[in-house]
Amino acid sequence: MTHNEKFDTIAEALLTDYSSVYYVDAVTNEYCQYLTDPENHTLRPGNTGSDFFGDMKKFADRMVYEDDRGAYKEKLNKDAMYSGADNGGKQRFEYRVMLGGKPVWHTVRVIRGISDDKEDYFVFGVINIDSEVRERTEKVRLLKERELYNCIAESLASNYDVIYYVDMETNGYEGFTTNNIYGKFNVDEEGENFFTVAPKNASHIIHPLDYDKFVTTLDKDNIIARLELKKKLTLDYRMVIDGNTKFTRLTVMWASDKKHIVIGVENIDFEVQREREHLKALNSEKELARRDDLTGTRNKTAYLELSHSVQKLIDSGINCLSFALVVCDINGLKQINDSDGHHAGDEYIRSCAKLICDIYSHSPVFRVGGDEFAVFIRGEDYDRRERLLEQLRGEVLRNRSTHGKPVIASGMSSFDPEADKSVAEVFKRADAVMYENKRELKS
């Protein structure tokens, strides 16, 4: 085959958008390179060589991107070429070449043929497809990103029962429903002025006590001002549907174009009920932790907490506090334990606690020791404190002659804002008075 015949064969086989073309003798491995002239749509001779496949391996080591080098050598192998393409068959593979320090995508198209005079040959065409691959990659990325975005959007939207999309320039809106919490109220709608329609519709379903704050929150100027300060605006309120109250949360946020707002409405009734149950359980647990197991009165931990709170008020300079402390100590507990056993002793402690609680029915009673109680007197009991102490002591005097009935020594002291600097001082005075009463009971 003459040079011109080879040129014509290549020209017929390949388009002129190839950056270079190689004509390779499949028997001897000799080759000629032809470079394309895209402006004139012609080919011109380039390099020649005696070992195409060997030179291509060297080229791979020098120029092909490291991650593609192994595959390039494997595919650009003479045996692979023979097995992959019969006469007239075509192959193609992509790889990256390092140009200017960056990997640039190329593709090789291989055509094998046998000429009329039985000359066996390969034609290799190289095309720079970097922009094509990057465009394709970008399309795939954008498609995946869109799919991911849609997935995220759908997941987030599923948290809401109703979503409004409001144009902040025209006030027009669209409403979308996922789970209808409005009963018979239709929210699949379009309208011209959301900020007029929303308050009107709200008057039928918003709890009267929450209506004003709902309308204030959905005021257009308020939304714009609030969203300048934070990413989203939320409001919890109640709806009344068919006579049933439902706790609802409204969330307002800017759309990405900053021209629309997205308003999500979700039913948080279950969340509120669960939170209430949780708080109830915590309060119950807290209350139990501050109760005395034997008597049911409050324990020493509770007394110390109250004492600490009152002390903070004293330290802050509040001088209008009105409270008194009564300190009580059980008489005869050791004798009952020794003679009748600890079970009888426990019953005796309970009866003493009951006596104190019955008299100081409006004040907290604390068991601060094994046989010691303290009463924090306030309110109505504080106004009657002297009379209540007399009532307690009178009951004790009547019980003293009967075995097993509560006998309690007691002492009281009132807080003096002019003299007292601490709760401990009040307790200490009451304790001293209690010991005087204890000596009197024994005598």
Protein backbone atom coordinates (compact mmCIF):
# COMPACT_ATOMS: atom_id res chain seq x y z
CA MET A 1 0.00 0.00 0.00
CA THR A 2 1.44 3.37 -1.00
CA HIS A 3 1.70 6.37 1.31
CA ASN A 4 -1.23 8.04 -0.40
CA GLU A 5 -3.32 4.90 -0.09
CA LYS A 6 -2.56 4.73 3.62
CA PHE A 7 -3.53 8.40 4.00
CA ASP A 8 -6.81 7.85 2.19
CA THR A 9 -7.61 4.83 4.38
CA ILE A 10 -7.03 6.82 7.57
CA ALA A 11 -8.98 9.79 6.27
CA GLU A 12 -11.94 7.57 5.54
CA ALA A 13 -11.75 5.80 8.90
CA LEU A 14 -11.47 8.77 11.23
CA LEU A 15 -12.99 12.19 11.65
CA THR A 16 -10.82 15.25 11.67
CA ASP A 17 -11.61 16.04 15.33
CA TYR A 18 -8.89 13.58 16.33
CA SER A 19 -5.82 15.24 17.78
CA SER A 20 -3.54 12.55 16.33
CA VAL A 21 -3.81 9.31 14.36
CA TYR A 22 -1.43 6.34 14.21
CA TYR A 23 -1.22 3.88 11.34
CA VAL A 24 0.42 0.71 12.72
CA ASP A 25 1.64 -2.32 10.80
CA ALA A 26 0.12 -5.17 12.77
CA VAL A 27 2.94 -7.52 11.75
CA THR A 28 6.10 -5.40 12.13
CA ASN A 29 4.76 -2.84 14.71
CA GLU A 30 6.10 -0.03 12.54
CA TYR A 31 3.98 3.08 12.68
CA CYS A 32 3.39 6.52 11.30
CA GLN A 33 1.74 9.35 13.22
CA TYR A 34 -0.56 11.82 11.54
CA LEU A 35 -1.62 15.07 13.15
CA THR A 36 -4.95 16.70 12.40
CA ASP A 37 -5.46 20.18 11.10
CA PRO A 38 -8.94 21.07 12.42
CA GLU A 39 -9.13 24.28 10.40
CA ASN A 40 -8.43 22.67 7.02
CA HIS A 41 -9.87 19.25 7.93
CA THR A 42 -6.66 17.54 6.79
CA LEU A 43 -4.01 15.24 8.23
CA ARG A 44 -0.27 15.86 8.08
CA PRO A 45 2.56 13.39 8.79
CA GLY A 46 4.09 13.35 12.26
CA ASN A 47 6.48 10.97 14.07
CA THR A 48 7.39 7.51 12.86
CA GLY A 49 8.79 4.50 14.68
CA SER A 50 9.55 0.80 14.54
CA ASP A 51 7.85 -0.39 17.77
CA PHE A 52 4.48 1.21 18.34
CA PHE A 53 3.42 -0.85 21.35
CA GLY A 54 6.80 -0.46 23.07
CA ASP A 55 6.78 3.29 22.50
CA MET A 56 3.25 3.52 23.87
CA LYS A 57 4.35 1.79 27.10
CA LYS A 58 7.12 4.35 27.45
CA PHE A 59 4.60 7.08 26.76
CA ALA A 60 2.35 5.64 29.45
CA ASP A 61 5.15 5.66 32.03
CA ARG A 62 5.97 9.24 31.16
CA MET A 63 2.61 10.89 30.48
CA VAL A 64 -0.41 8.81 31.46
CA TYR A 65 -2.08 9.62 34.78
CA GLU A 66 -0.92 7.16 37.44
CA ASP A 67 -4.39 5.81 38.23
CA ASP A 68 -5.01 5.02 34.54
CA ARG A 69 -1.53 3.74 33.65
CA GLY A 70 -2.11 0.07 34.33
CA ALA A 71 -5.38 -0.07 32.39
CA TYR A 72 -3.82 1.88 29.52
CA LYS A 73 -0.96 -0.62 29.15
CA GLU A 74 -3.31 -3.56 29.46
CA LYS A 75 -5.64 -2.32 26.76
CA LEU A 76 -2.97 -0.93 24.44
CA ASN A 77 -1.41 -4.37 24.10
CA LYS A 78 -0.95 -6.07 20.73
CA ASP A 79 -2.42 -9.39 21.85
CA ALA A 80 -5.39 -7.56 23.35
CA MET A 81 -5.80 -5.67 20.12
CA TYR A 82 -5.86 -8.90 18.10
CA SER A 83 -8.36 -10.62 20.40
CA GLY A 84 -10.57 -7.58 20.69
CA ALA A 85 -10.99 -6.65 17.07
CA ASP A 86 -11.29 -8.72 13.92
CA ASN A 87 -10.97 -7.18 10.48
CA GLY A 88 -13.03 -3.99 10.56
CA GLY A 89 -13.68 -4.31 14.31
CA LYS A 90 -13.48 -1.32 16.63
CA GLN A 91 -12.38 -0.75 20.22
CA ARG A 92 -12.34 2.28 22.46
CA PHE A 93 -11.04 3.22 25.90
CA GLU A 94 -10.57 6.39 27.92
CA TYR A 95 -7.60 7.54 29.98
CA ARG A 96 -6.01 10.68 31.35
CA VAL A 97 -2.79 12.31 30.19
CA MET A 98 -0.83 14.68 32.41
CA LEU A 99 -0.65 18.04 30.64
CA GLY A 100 0.48 21.16 32.44
CA GLY A 101 0.46 19.23 35.72
CA LYS A 102 -3.24 18.34 35.38
CA PRO A 103 -4.92 15.10 34.19
CA VAL A 104 -6.67 15.67 30.85
CA TRP A 105 -9.13 13.11 29.53
CA HIS A 106 -8.44 11.44 26.16
CA THR A 107 -9.94 8.52 24.32
CA VAL A 108 -8.35 6.06 21.90
CA ARG A 109 -10.39 4.50 19.14
CA VAL A 110 -8.88 1.46 17.49
CA ILE A 111 -9.81 0.11 14.07
CA ARG A 112 -8.21 -3.06 12.70
CA GLY A 113 -8.21 -3.80 9.03
CA ILE A 114 -6.62 -5.86 6.26
CA SER A 115 -5.93 -4.06 2.97
CA ASP A 116 -6.55 -5.42 -0.48
CA ASP A 117 -2.93 -6.52 -0.71
CA LYS A 118 -3.32 -8.44 2.59
CA GLU A 119 -1.45 -5.88 4.69
CA ASP A 120 -2.59 -6.24 8.32
CA TYR A 121 -2.86 -2.88 10.12
CA PHE A 122 -4.27 -0.95 13.07
CA VAL A 123 -5.50 2.63 13.04
CA PHE A 124 -5.36 4.38 16.43
CA GLY A 125 -7.20 7.68 16.80
CA VAL A 126 -6.63 9.92 19.83
CA ILE A 127 -9.21 12.53 20.82
CA ASN A 128 -9.04 15.09 23.61
CA ILE A 129 -12.39 14.59 25.34
CA ASP A 130 -11.61 16.48 28.55
CA SER A 131 -14.39 19.03 28.17
CA GLU A 132 -16.83 16.30 27.18
CA VAL A 133 -15.95 14.10 30.17
CA ARG A 134 -16.04 17.00 32.59
CA GLU A 135 -19.38 18.10 31.22
CA ARG A 136 -20.65 14.54 31.52
CA THR A 137 -19.26 14.28 35.06
CA GLU A 138 -20.82 17.58 35.99
CA LYS A 139 -24.18 16.44 34.64
CA VAL A 140 -23.94 13.25 36.69
CA ARG A 141 -22.93 15.27 39.76
CA LEU A 142 -25.79 17.68 39.29
CA LEU A 143 -28.20 14.81 38.73
CA LYS A 144 -27.05 13.08 41.92
CA GLU A 145 -27.11 16.39 43.74
CA ARG A 146 -30.65 17.03 42.54
CA GLU A 147 -31.70 13.52 43.53
CA LEU A 148 -30.09 14.01 46.93
CA TYR A 149 -31.65 17.45 47.25
CA ASN A 150 -35.07 16.07 46.37
CA CYS A 151 -34.60 13.24 48.84
CA ILE A 152 -33.63 15.67 51.59
CA ALA A 153 -36.44 18.06 50.67
CA GLU A 154 -39.00 15.25 50.72
CA SER A 155 -37.69 14.00 54.05
CA LEU A 156 -37.82 17.47 55.58
CA ALA A 157 -41.22 18.19 54.06
CA SER A 158 -42.58 14.98 55.57
CA ASN A 159 -42.06 16.52 59.01
CA TYR A 160 -44.78 19.04 58.22
CA ASP A 161 -48.49 18.50 57.75
CA VAL A 162 -48.91 21.65 55.69
CA ILE A 163 -46.38 23.74 53.75
CA TYR A 164 -46.99 27.22 52.36
CA TYR A 165 -44.77 28.79 49.70
CA VAL A 166 -45.26 32.55 49.83
CA ASP A 167 -43.99 35.16 47.35
CA MET A 168 -42.80 38.05 49.52
CA GLU A 169 -43.04 40.51 46.61
CA THR A 170 -46.59 39.75 45.46
CA ASN A 171 -47.89 38.02 48.64
CA GLY A 172 -49.22 35.20 46.43
CA TYR A 173 -48.96 31.72 47.85
CA GLU A 174 -49.43 27.99 47.30
CA GLY A 175 -50.38 25.48 49.98
CA PHE A 176 -49.36 21.83 50.03
CA THR A 177 -50.75 19.18 52.37
CA THR A 178 -48.98 15.98 53.37
CA ASN A 179 -51.13 14.89 56.33
CA ASN A 180 -54.33 16.77 56.87
CA ILE A 181 -54.63 17.88 60.51
CA TYR A 182 -57.27 20.49 59.77
CA GLY A 183 -60.25 18.15 59.67
CA LYS A 184 -62.65 19.56 57.09
CA PHE A 185 -60.62 22.72 56.51
CA ASN A 186 -59.19 22.69 52.98
CA VAL A 187 -55.55 23.75 52.70
CA ASP A 188 -54.69 22.55 49.17
CA GLU A 189 -54.96 26.02 47.73
CA GLU A 190 -53.53 28.96 45.87
CA GLY A 191 -54.17 32.56 46.72
CA GLU A 192 -53.21 36.13 45.96
CA ASN A 193 -52.52 37.46 49.45
CA PHE A 194 -51.34 35.08 52.15
CA PHE A 195 -51.10 37.80 54.79
CA THR A 196 -54.77 38.63 54.40
CA VAL A 197 -56.08 35.08 54.11
CA ALA A 198 -54.04 33.55 56.98
CA PRO A 199 -55.48 35.70 59.83
CA LYS A 200 -59.00 35.27 58.44
CA ASN A 201 -58.74 31.48 58.31
CA ALA A 202 -56.94 31.38 61.66
CA SER A 203 -59.88 32.99 63.42
CA HIS A 204 -61.87 29.78 62.83
CA ILE A 205 -59.32 27.26 64.10
CA ILE A 206 -56.73 28.95 66.38
CA HIS A 207 -57.35 28.77 70.12
CA PRO A 208 -58.67 32.17 71.28
CA LEU A 209 -55.83 32.56 73.80
CA ASP A 210 -53.22 32.00 71.05
CA TYR A 211 -54.85 33.95 68.21
CA ASP A 212 -53.21 37.33 68.90
CA LYS A 213 -49.67 35.94 69.07
CA PHE A 214 -50.35 33.86 65.94
CA VAL A 215 -51.45 36.92 63.93
CA THR A 216 -48.56 38.99 65.28
CA THR A 217 -46.04 36.30 64.34
CA LEU A 218 -47.42 36.02 60.78
CA ASP A 219 -47.29 39.77 60.18
CA LYS A 220 -45.20 40.33 57.05
CA ASP A 221 -43.01 43.07 58.52
CA ASN A 222 -42.47 41.00 61.67
CA ILE A 223 -41.37 37.98 59.62
CA ILE A 224 -38.86 40.04 57.61
CA ALA A 225 -37.46 41.67 60.75
CA ARG A 226 -37.21 38.41 62.70
CA LEU A 227 -35.59 36.50 59.85
CA GLU A 228 -32.87 39.13 59.63
CA LEU A 229 -31.80 38.07 63.11
CA LYS A 230 -31.99 34.29 62.78
CA LYS A 231 -32.45 31.57 60.19
CA LYS A 232 -35.96 30.60 61.15
CA LEU A 233 -38.93 31.77 63.17
CA THR A 234 -41.00 29.31 65.21
CA LEU A 235 -44.24 29.56 67.12
CA ASP A 236 -46.04 26.93 69.20
CA TYR A 237 -49.78 27.40 69.50
CA ARG A 238 -53.03 25.49 69.87
CA MET A 239 -55.65 24.70 67.28
CA VAL A 240 -59.22 23.70 68.07
CA ILE A 241 -60.65 21.20 65.58
CA ASP A 242 -64.02 19.56 66.13
CA GLY A 243 -63.82 20.64 69.77
CA ASN A 244 -60.42 19.00 70.29
CA THR A 245 -57.29 21.00 71.11
CA LYS A 246 -54.16 20.13 69.13
CA PHE A 247 -50.72 21.55 69.84
CA THR A 248 -49.16 22.85 66.65
CA ARG A 249 -45.82 24.36 65.64
CA LEU A 250 -45.32 26.88 62.85
CA THR A 251 -41.85 27.35 61.31
CA VAL A 252 -40.98 30.19 58.91
CA MET A 253 -37.76 30.37 56.87
CA TRP A 254 -36.45 32.03 53.74
CA ALA A 255 -36.34 30.04 50.51
CA SER A 256 -32.93 29.95 48.80
CA ASP A 257 -33.90 32.76 46.40
CA LYS A 258 -34.60 35.16 49.29
CA LYS A 259 -37.78 36.15 47.47
CA HIS A 260 -40.06 33.52 48.96
CA ILE A 261 -40.67 32.21 52.44
CA VAL A 262 -41.51 28.64 53.34
CA ILE A 263 -43.97 28.13 56.19
CA GLY A 264 -44.26 24.66 57.68
CA VAL A 265 -47.07 23.64 60.01
CA GLU A 266 -46.69 20.47 62.05
CA ASN A 267 -48.78 18.66 64.62
CA ILE A 268 -46.71 18.46 67.83
CA ASP A 269 -49.52 17.10 70.00
CA PHE A 270 -47.70 13.81 70.59
CA GLU A 271 -44.44 15.65 71.29
CA VAL A 272 -46.12 17.91 73.87
CA GLN A 273 -47.86 15.00 75.59
CA ARG A 274 -44.62 13.02 75.68
CA GLU A 275 -42.76 16.01 77.14
CA ARG A 276 -45.46 16.45 79.78
CA GLU A 277 -45.22 12.80 80.73
CA HIS A 278 -41.44 13.11 80.87
CA LEU A 279 -41.62 16.17 83.13
CA LYS A 280 -44.21 14.46 85.28
CA ALA A 281 -41.93 11.44 85.64
CA LEU A 282 -38.96 13.69 86.46
CA ASN A 283 -40.98 15.63 89.02
CA SER A 284 -42.24 12.41 90.55
CA GLU A 285 -38.72 11.05 90.69
CA LYS A 286 -37.47 14.31 92.17
CA GLU A 287 -40.29 14.33 94.70
CA LEU A 288 -39.60 10.75 95.70
CA ALA A 289 -35.92 11.54 96.16
CA ARG A 290 -36.90 14.25 98.64
CA ARG A 291 -39.41 12.20 100.63
CA ASP A 292 -38.71 10.31 103.82
CA ASP A 293 -39.62 6.66 103.20
CA LEU A 294 -40.82 5.99 106.73
CA THR A 295 -43.01 9.00 107.47
CA GLY A 296 -43.86 10.44 104.06
CA THR A 297 -42.63 13.87 105.17
CA ARG A 298 -39.85 15.64 103.30
CA ASN A 299 -36.32 14.54 104.08
CA LYS A 300 -33.10 16.29 105.05
CA THR A 301 -32.09 16.83 101.40
CA ALA A 302 -35.32 18.77 100.81
CA TYR A 303 -34.72 20.82 103.96
CA LEU A 304 -31.20 21.74 102.88
CA GLU A 305 -32.47 22.78 99.43
CA LEU A 306 -35.17 25.00 100.95
CA SER A 307 -32.67 26.40 103.45
CA HIS A 308 -30.29 27.24 100.61
CA SER A 309 -33.03 29.01 98.63
CA VAL A 310 -34.10 31.09 101.63
CA GLN A 311 -30.48 31.92 102.41
CA LYS A 312 -30.04 33.35 98.91
CA LEU A 313 -32.99 35.65 99.56
CA ILE A 314 -31.46 36.75 102.87
CA ASP A 315 -28.08 37.35 101.20
CA SER A 316 -29.72 39.46 98.50
CA GLY A 317 -30.90 41.91 101.16
CA ILE A 318 -34.61 41.09 101.17
CA ASN A 319 -35.78 42.15 104.62
CA CYS A 320 -39.49 41.43 104.33
CA LEU A 321 -39.23 37.66 104.76
CA SER A 322 -41.72 36.23 107.21
CA PHE A 323 -40.97 32.71 108.37
CA ALA A 324 -40.29 30.72 111.50
CA LEU A 325 -38.74 27.35 112.24
CA VAL A 326 -40.08 24.76 114.64
CA VAL A 327 -37.62 22.09 115.71
CA CYS A 328 -39.11 18.88 117.18
CA ASP A 329 -37.40 15.96 118.90
CA ILE A 330 -39.14 12.66 119.75
CA ASN A 331 -39.09 11.61 123.41
CA GLY A 332 -38.96 7.98 124.54
CA LEU A 333 -38.01 6.41 121.19
CA LYS A 334 -35.08 4.44 122.66
CA GLN A 335 -37.24 2.91 125.38
CA ILE A 336 -39.86 1.79 122.86
CA ASN A 337 -37.19 0.27 120.60
CA ASP A 338 -35.66 -1.55 123.57
CA SER A 339 -38.91 -2.81 125.07
CA ASP A 340 -41.18 -3.33 122.05
CA GLY A 341 -38.76 -3.62 119.15
CA HIS A 342 -37.87 -1.46 116.17
CA HIS A 343 -41.14 -2.14 114.35
CA ALA A 344 -42.97 -0.50 117.26
CA GLY A 345 -40.35 2.27 117.20
CA ASP A 346 -41.09 2.94 113.52
CA GLU A 347 -44.80 3.12 114.23
CA TYR A 348 -44.06 5.58 117.02
CA ILE A 349 -42.02 7.78 114.66
CA ARG A 350 -44.89 7.73 112.14
CA SER A 351 -47.43 8.73 114.81
CA CYS A 352 -45.19 11.63 115.90
CA ALA A 353 -44.81 12.79 112.28
CA LYS A 354 -48.58 12.65 111.82
CA LEU A 355 -49.16 14.78 114.89
CA ILE A 356 -46.75 17.46 113.62
CA CYS A 357 -48.24 17.41 110.10
CA ASP A 358 -51.81 17.60 111.38
CA ILE A 359 -51.06 20.71 113.40
CA TYR A 360 -48.85 22.44 110.79
CA SER A 361 -51.10 21.52 107.87
CA HIS A 362 -50.10 24.53 105.74
CA SER A 363 -46.32 24.25 106.18
CA PRO A 364 -43.71 21.75 104.96
CA VAL A 365 -42.50 19.24 107.55
CA PHE A 366 -39.01 17.71 107.25
CA ARG A 367 -37.48 14.70 108.96
CA VAL A 368 -33.93 15.98 109.43
CA GLY A 369 -32.69 13.16 111.68
CA GLY A 370 -33.67 9.78 113.08
CA ASP A 371 -35.91 11.32 115.75
CA GLU A 372 -35.76 14.99 114.78
CA PHE A 373 -38.16 17.05 112.64
CA ALA A 374 -38.19 20.64 111.43
CA VAL A 375 -41.16 22.70 110.26
CA PHE A 376 -40.73 25.70 107.96
CA ILE A 377 -43.65 27.92 109.02
CA ARG A 378 -45.06 30.41 106.54
CA GLY A 379 -48.30 31.93 105.36
CA GLU A 380 -51.38 31.12 107.44
CA ASP A 381 -49.40 28.94 109.87
CA TYR A 382 -46.95 31.82 110.43
CA ASP A 383 -49.76 34.14 111.46
CA ARG A 384 -50.96 31.52 113.98
CA ARG A 385 -47.51 30.23 114.99
CA GLU A 386 -47.78 30.88 118.71
CA ARG A 387 -51.24 29.30 118.90
CA LEU A 388 -50.10 26.27 116.88
CA LEU A 389 -47.09 25.73 119.16
CA GLU A 390 -49.37 25.85 122.18
CA GLN A 391 -51.67 23.33 120.47
CA LEU A 392 -48.74 20.98 119.82
CA ARG A 393 -47.42 21.22 123.37
CA GLY A 394 -50.89 20.79 124.85
CA GLU A 395 -51.40 17.59 122.85
CA VAL A 396 -48.01 16.33 123.99
CA LEU A 397 -48.81 16.99 127.66
CA ARG A 398 -52.01 14.98 127.32
CA ASN A 399 -50.13 12.12 125.61
CA ARG A 400 -47.34 11.99 128.20
CA SER A 401 -49.26 9.76 130.56
CA THR A 402 -50.20 7.22 127.87
CA HIS A 403 -47.62 4.69 126.63
CA GLY A 404 -47.08 4.77 122.85
CA LYS A 405 -48.74 8.11 122.19
CA PRO A 406 -46.57 10.84 120.62
CA VAL A 407 -44.46 12.83 123.03
CA ILE A 408 -42.45 15.49 121.25
CA ALA A 409 -40.22 18.25 122.56
CA SER A 410 -40.53 21.43 120.50
CA GLY A 411 -39.00 24.85 120.10
CA MET A 412 -39.74 27.74 117.76
CA SER A 413 -37.89 30.80 116.53
CA SER A 414 -38.91 33.49 114.02
CA PHE A 415 -36.61 35.12 111.50
CA ASP A 416 -35.50 38.61 112.56
CA PRO A 417 -34.30 40.57 109.51
CA GLU A 418 -32.59 43.12 111.74
CA ALA A 419 -30.47 40.56 113.59
CA ASP A 420 -30.38 37.27 111.64
CA LYS A 421 -27.89 36.76 108.82
CA SER A 422 -28.64 33.12 108.14
CA VAL A 423 -31.25 30.39 108.34
CA ALA A 424 -28.85 28.48 110.55
CA GLU A 425 -29.15 31.15 113.24
CA VAL A 426 -32.94 30.77 113.32
CA PHE A 427 -32.61 26.97 113.49
CA LYS A 428 -30.05 27.20 116.31
CA ARG A 429 -32.37 29.35 118.47
CA ALA A 430 -35.33 27.03 117.83
CA ASP A 431 -33.14 24.05 118.71
CA ALA A 432 -32.13 25.64 122.00
CA VAL A 433 -35.77 26.30 122.90
CA MET A 434 -36.60 22.69 122.00
CA TYR A 435 -34.01 21.38 124.49
CA GLU A 436 -35.49 23.54 127.22
CA ASN A 437 -38.90 22.02 126.50
CA LYS A 438 -37.33 18.55 126.48
CA ARG A 439 -35.98 19.08 130.01
CA GLU A 440 -39.37 20.31 131.14
CA LEU A 441 -41.07 17.19 129.74
CA LYS A 442 -38.62 14.93 131.50
CA SER A 443 -39.09 16.69 134.84
